[in-house]
Each structure stands twice: as C-alpha cells, then as structure tokens.
Amino acid sequence: LAQGVWLGYGIHRPSPAFTMSFQQQVVVDCRGHLLGRLASVIAKEILNGQHVVLVRAEDVVISGSLYRNKLKYAAFKTKTMNTNPRHTGAIKHPRSPAKILWRTVRGMVPHKTPRGGAAMDRLKSFEGIPHPYDRKKRMVIPSCLKVLRLRPERRFCRLGDLSSEYGWKHGSLIERLEKQRKVKSEVFYKKKVAAKRAKSDALKAVKLSGDDQAILAKAGYA
C-alpha cells in the first residue's frame, strides 16, 4: 500500500503529477501551453505556497477552433449578476490574455477564503516578457504542452487571437516589444557563450606546479 491509497473497495494509485521544486519565485513561459491544463497546475502550486509569474500569456493555446471559442466567450459575456442584472460591475469579462489566464486560474482556487485569496496574491500574469522577468530563467510545464497533449489533427487557437476579436487592442504593441526583446536576448546569449568559452580555454591553459596540485588534491579539487 506504499504506492497507493486504500479506499475500502480497492487501491487508488495516483498518476504522477508535475510538481515544481520550491523556489522563491518561478517564471513560467506560457507559449504553447494548453489553457486549462496550465491553469490547473498553477492553481495547485500557488495553493502550496509557490510564487508564480506567467509570461507570454498571449501565446497560450486553447483546444478547439477560433470560431468555437468565440462562441464560448460570447456566451460568457452574457453572464450577469443573478439578483440584479443591471449591476454591470458584478461580473467582469476580461479581454486581455493575461487577465483571462488569471481568471481561469482563479476559477480553480477557493478565492473567497483567506487561503485562496493569499494564493491569488502569489500569482502574476503578463503579456510578453516585461522587465525584470526577461533576465530571469524561464521554465515550461511538459504535462501542459500542446505538442505533447493535443493530437496533431485537432484544431486549436491562440488566446491572443481570441482576445483581439473581443476588444484587446495591444497585440501589435506586444509583438513589437517582443521583437526588440529577442534582439537584446540574442546579443546577451552570444556574449554569455563567448565568456563561457573564454573561461574554459583559460582553465585548459593553466599550468600548476606539483606543490599546488598536491594542495588542491588535499582539498578535493584535483
């Protein structure tokens, strides 16, 4: 029973789930991730106390064609407050990809409790990759990637395209800023590779005397 849980009528063996190694802050690159799968993993992580930053929300993928998802969002827009439909501030209908992603995660968190509210405070979402997250290591979640979870012949659409259909006007701005960021990132990466190669060559060129090698061997660095 070490591998499972006894339920009275059999043994339940949970499937292996993705867990982040606990860090001060995790930056997730959302490009190519499926919306629902990504949101479920992130919801669990922030409830466990992990601080998560989601970047490139406009490149999140939703299964189903753009037309199908437009119909779903149109139905969502008709949702109003049950007791007073004229109270327009009762239900928010976010248009930006980052806010839609944030709202999807919120639907999987008990956000009206103190624990859920504290969990949502640990979550941030952005379109593009703004400073300072462009200089931090970003990760992906394999169990949520479209290429691993959606059959090749199935239709899909980008969250940014859906947002643009319903009033999000900053798609071209984000695209321009991302082009600038990629140019800077390429320069930084080439400089990093050159520095690493120079350090490796310098270490190979170093010649130590026998006494120095003996001292390093005693310290465990030989």
Protein backbone atom coordinates (compact mmCIF):
# COMPACT_ATOMS: atom_id res chain seq x y z
CA LEU A 1 0.00 0.00 0.00
CA ALA A 2 3.03 2.29 0.00
CA GLN A 3 2.37 3.06 -3.66
CA GLY A 4 -1.34 3.83 -3.34
CA VAL A 5 -4.26 4.72 -1.06
CA TRP A 6 -6.73 2.17 0.32
CA LEU A 7 -10.29 3.33 -0.40
CA GLY A 8 -12.22 0.36 1.06
CA TYR A 9 -13.04 -1.09 -2.35
CA GLY A 10 -9.60 -1.08 -3.94
CA ILE A 11 -6.32 0.72 -4.18
CA HIS A 12 -6.17 4.11 -5.84
CA ARG A 13 -2.80 4.72 -7.49
CA PRO A 14 -2.49 8.42 -8.39
CA SER A 15 -0.90 9.27 -11.71
CA PRO A 16 2.44 11.06 -11.45
CA ALA A 17 1.75 14.81 -11.37
CA PHE A 18 4.06 17.70 -12.17
CA THR A 19 5.48 19.45 -9.11
CA MET A 20 7.77 22.46 -9.10
CA SER A 21 10.84 22.39 -6.90
CA PHE A 22 10.05 25.02 -4.29
CA GLN A 23 11.81 28.28 -5.11
CA GLN A 24 11.42 31.90 -4.13
CA GLN A 25 9.76 32.65 -7.47
CA VAL A 26 9.09 30.60 -10.60
CA VAL A 27 8.71 32.24 -14.02
CA VAL A 28 6.68 30.14 -16.48
CA ASP A 29 6.84 30.78 -20.23
CA CYS A 30 3.24 30.09 -21.30
CA ARG A 31 3.94 29.83 -25.04
CA GLY A 32 2.46 26.60 -26.46
CA HIS A 33 0.74 25.54 -23.21
CA LEU A 34 -2.91 24.45 -23.12
CA LEU A 35 -5.00 26.90 -21.10
CA GLY A 36 -6.92 24.53 -18.82
CA ARG A 37 -4.02 22.19 -18.09
CA LEU A 38 -1.70 25.07 -17.33
CA ALA A 39 -4.25 26.74 -15.05
CA SER A 40 -4.84 23.56 -13.04
CA VAL A 41 -1.12 23.04 -12.37
CA ILE A 42 -0.57 26.70 -11.46
CA ALA A 43 -3.59 26.70 -9.13
CA LYS A 44 -2.17 23.76 -7.18
CA GLU A 45 1.27 25.36 -6.95
CA ILE A 46 0.09 28.73 -5.63
CA LEU A 47 -2.12 26.96 -3.08
CA ASN A 48 1.01 25.12 -1.92
CA GLY A 49 2.75 28.45 -1.32
CA GLN A 50 4.77 28.85 -4.52
CA HIS A 51 5.10 32.33 -6.06
CA VAL A 52 4.46 32.04 -9.83
CA VAL A 53 4.86 34.56 -12.66
CA LEU A 54 3.24 33.75 -16.03
CA VAL A 55 4.71 35.46 -19.09
CA ARG A 56 3.73 35.45 -22.80
CA ALA A 57 0.09 34.84 -21.92
CA GLU A 58 -0.95 35.84 -25.45
CA ASP A 59 0.68 32.64 -26.79
CA VAL A 60 -1.35 30.28 -24.60
CA VAL A 61 -3.23 27.72 -26.70
CA ILE A 62 -6.90 26.73 -26.39
CA SER A 63 -8.13 23.47 -27.91
CA GLY A 64 -10.91 23.93 -30.47
CA SER A 65 -11.14 26.32 -33.41
CA LEU A 66 -11.19 30.09 -33.03
CA TYR A 67 -14.83 30.17 -34.14
CA ARG A 68 -15.85 27.66 -31.45
CA ASN A 69 -14.03 29.58 -28.74
CA LYS A 70 -15.56 32.86 -29.91
CA LEU A 71 -18.99 31.31 -29.36
CA LYS A 72 -17.94 30.23 -25.86
CA TYR A 73 -16.67 33.69 -24.99
CA ALA A 74 -19.82 35.29 -26.40
CA ALA A 75 -21.86 33.07 -24.06
CA PHE A 76 -19.59 34.06 -21.17
CA LYS A 77 -20.17 37.74 -21.93
CA THR A 78 -23.91 37.32 -21.40
CA LYS A 79 -23.37 36.23 -17.77
CA THR A 80 -24.79 38.86 -15.41
CA MET A 81 -25.50 39.17 -11.73
CA ASN A 82 -28.34 36.82 -10.80
CA THR A 83 -30.20 39.11 -8.39
CA ASN A 84 -29.61 42.40 -10.24
CA PRO A 85 -28.65 42.02 -13.92
CA ARG A 86 -28.34 45.80 -14.30
CA HIS A 87 -25.46 45.80 -11.83
CA THR A 88 -22.78 45.84 -14.54
CA GLY A 89 -19.85 45.69 -12.11
CA ALA A 90 -20.95 42.36 -10.65
CA ILE A 91 -19.22 40.13 -13.21
CA LYS A 92 -16.04 41.12 -15.01
CA HIS A 93 -15.44 39.90 -18.55
CA PRO A 94 -11.68 40.34 -19.08
CA ARG A 95 -10.39 40.93 -22.60
CA SER A 96 -6.61 40.84 -22.23
CA PRO A 97 -4.89 37.41 -22.44
CA ALA A 98 -3.08 37.88 -19.11
CA LYS A 99 -6.34 38.68 -17.32
CA ILE A 100 -8.20 35.79 -18.98
CA LEU A 101 -5.44 33.42 -17.86
CA TRP A 102 -5.55 34.89 -14.34
CA ARG A 103 -9.34 34.48 -14.25
CA THR A 104 -9.05 30.85 -15.41
CA VAL A 105 -6.65 30.08 -12.56
CA ARG A 106 -8.94 31.88 -10.11
CA GLY A 107 -11.78 29.55 -11.10
CA MET A 108 -9.70 26.63 -9.80
CA VAL A 109 -8.86 28.29 -6.47
CA PRO A 110 -11.19 28.87 -3.48
CA HIS A 111 -10.52 32.60 -3.88
CA LYS A 112 -13.21 33.74 -1.44
CA THR A 113 -11.42 32.13 1.51
CA PRO A 114 -8.34 33.64 3.19
CA ARG A 115 -6.21 30.73 1.92
CA GLY A 116 -7.42 31.18 -1.65
CA GLY A 117 -7.03 34.95 -1.54
CA ALA A 118 -3.45 34.59 -0.30
CA ALA A 119 -2.79 32.08 -3.10
CA MET A 120 -4.03 34.50 -5.78
CA ASP A 121 -1.70 37.17 -4.33
CA ARG A 122 1.20 34.85 -5.23
CA LEU A 123 0.23 34.84 -8.92
CA LYS A 124 1.19 37.38 -11.59
CA SER A 125 0.47 37.20 -15.31
CA PHE A 126 1.75 39.32 -18.19
CA GLU A 127 1.59 39.63 -21.96
CA GLY A 128 5.08 39.45 -23.43
CA ILE A 129 8.06 39.25 -21.09
CA PRO A 130 8.45 42.58 -19.27
CA HIS A 131 11.47 43.64 -17.22
CA PRO A 132 12.81 42.15 -14.91
CA TYR A 133 11.46 38.75 -15.98
CA ASP A 134 13.26 38.95 -19.33
CA ARG A 135 16.50 38.45 -17.39
CA LYS A 136 15.31 35.51 -15.31
CA LYS A 137 15.34 31.82 -16.10
CA ARG A 138 12.01 30.67 -17.51
CA MET A 139 10.55 27.18 -17.35
CA VAL A 140 7.88 25.16 -19.17
CA ILE A 141 5.48 22.51 -17.85
CA PRO A 142 5.74 19.40 -20.08
CA SER A 143 2.38 17.95 -18.99
CA CYS A 144 0.63 21.06 -20.33
CA LEU A 145 2.35 21.47 -23.71
CA LYS A 146 0.13 21.29 -26.80
CA VAL A 147 2.69 19.24 -28.76
CA LEU A 148 2.55 16.52 -26.07
CA ARG A 149 -1.13 16.63 -25.12
CA LEU A 150 -3.14 17.54 -28.24
CA ARG A 151 -3.39 15.27 -31.26
CA PRO A 152 -1.82 16.82 -34.38
CA GLU A 153 -5.04 16.88 -36.39
CA ARG A 154 -7.05 18.67 -33.68
CA ARG A 155 -7.87 22.34 -34.09
CA PHE A 156 -6.64 24.99 -31.70
CA CYS A 157 -6.34 28.76 -31.39
CA ARG A 158 -4.16 31.30 -29.62
CA LEU A 159 -5.51 33.20 -26.64
CA GLY A 160 -4.13 36.43 -28.13
CA ASP A 161 -6.22 35.94 -31.29
CA LEU A 162 -9.36 35.38 -29.22
CA SER A 163 -8.67 38.49 -27.14
CA SER A 164 -8.15 40.59 -30.28
CA GLU A 165 -11.58 39.52 -31.54
CA TYR A 166 -13.20 40.85 -28.35
CA GLY A 167 -11.58 44.23 -27.93
CA TRP A 168 -7.95 43.72 -26.84
CA LYS A 169 -6.03 46.38 -28.77
CA HIS A 170 -2.42 45.84 -27.71
CA GLY A 171 -1.47 42.80 -29.81
CA SER A 172 0.67 44.79 -32.26
CA LEU A 173 2.40 46.63 -29.39
CA ILE A 174 3.30 43.37 -27.64
CA GLU A 175 4.58 41.95 -30.94
CA ARG A 176 6.84 44.97 -31.47
CA LEU A 177 8.19 44.87 -27.90
CA GLU A 178 8.85 41.13 -28.21
CA LYS A 179 10.91 41.68 -31.37
CA GLN A 180 13.05 44.21 -29.52
CA ARG A 181 13.45 41.88 -26.55
CA LYS A 182 14.54 38.97 -28.76
CA VAL A 183 17.27 41.10 -30.36
CA LYS A 184 18.62 42.01 -26.91
CA SER A 185 18.36 38.39 -25.74
CA GLU A 186 20.35 37.15 -28.73
CA VAL A 187 23.16 39.64 -28.02
CA PHE A 188 23.18 38.63 -24.34
CA TYR A 189 23.28 34.92 -25.20
CA LYS A 190 26.20 35.32 -27.64
CA LYS A 191 28.12 37.29 -25.01
CA LYS A 192 27.38 34.60 -22.42
CA VAL A 193 28.57 31.78 -24.71
CA ALA A 194 31.76 33.71 -25.56
CA ALA A 195 32.51 34.30 -21.86
CA LYS A 196 31.93 30.63 -21.07
CA ARG A 197 34.24 29.55 -23.90
CA ALA A 198 36.94 32.01 -22.79
CA LYS A 199 36.78 30.69 -19.24
CA SER A 200 37.04 27.10 -20.46
CA ASP A 201 40.07 27.94 -22.63
CA ALA A 202 41.72 29.78 -19.73
CA LEU A 203 41.26 26.77 -17.42
CA LYS A 204 42.82 24.48 -20.02
CA ALA A 205 45.79 26.80 -20.45
CA VAL A 206 46.58 26.98 -16.72
CA LYS A 207 49.69 25.06 -15.62
CA LEU A 208 50.12 24.27 -11.94
CA SER A 209 53.22 23.22 -10.11
CA GLY A 210 53.40 19.90 -8.29
CA ASP A 211 53.04 21.60 -4.88
CA ASP A 212 49.91 23.45 -5.97
CA GLN A 213 48.38 20.26 -7.37
CA ALA A 214 49.05 18.44 -4.09
CA ILE A 215 47.34 21.23 -2.12
CA LEU A 216 44.29 21.09 -4.44
CA ALA A 217 44.20 17.29 -4.16
CA LYS A 218 44.06 17.52 -0.38
CA ALA A 219 41.19 19.98 -0.62
CA GLY A 220 39.32 17.68 -3.04
CA TYR A 221 39.64 19.91 -6.12
CA ALA A 222 42.07 17.81 -8.13
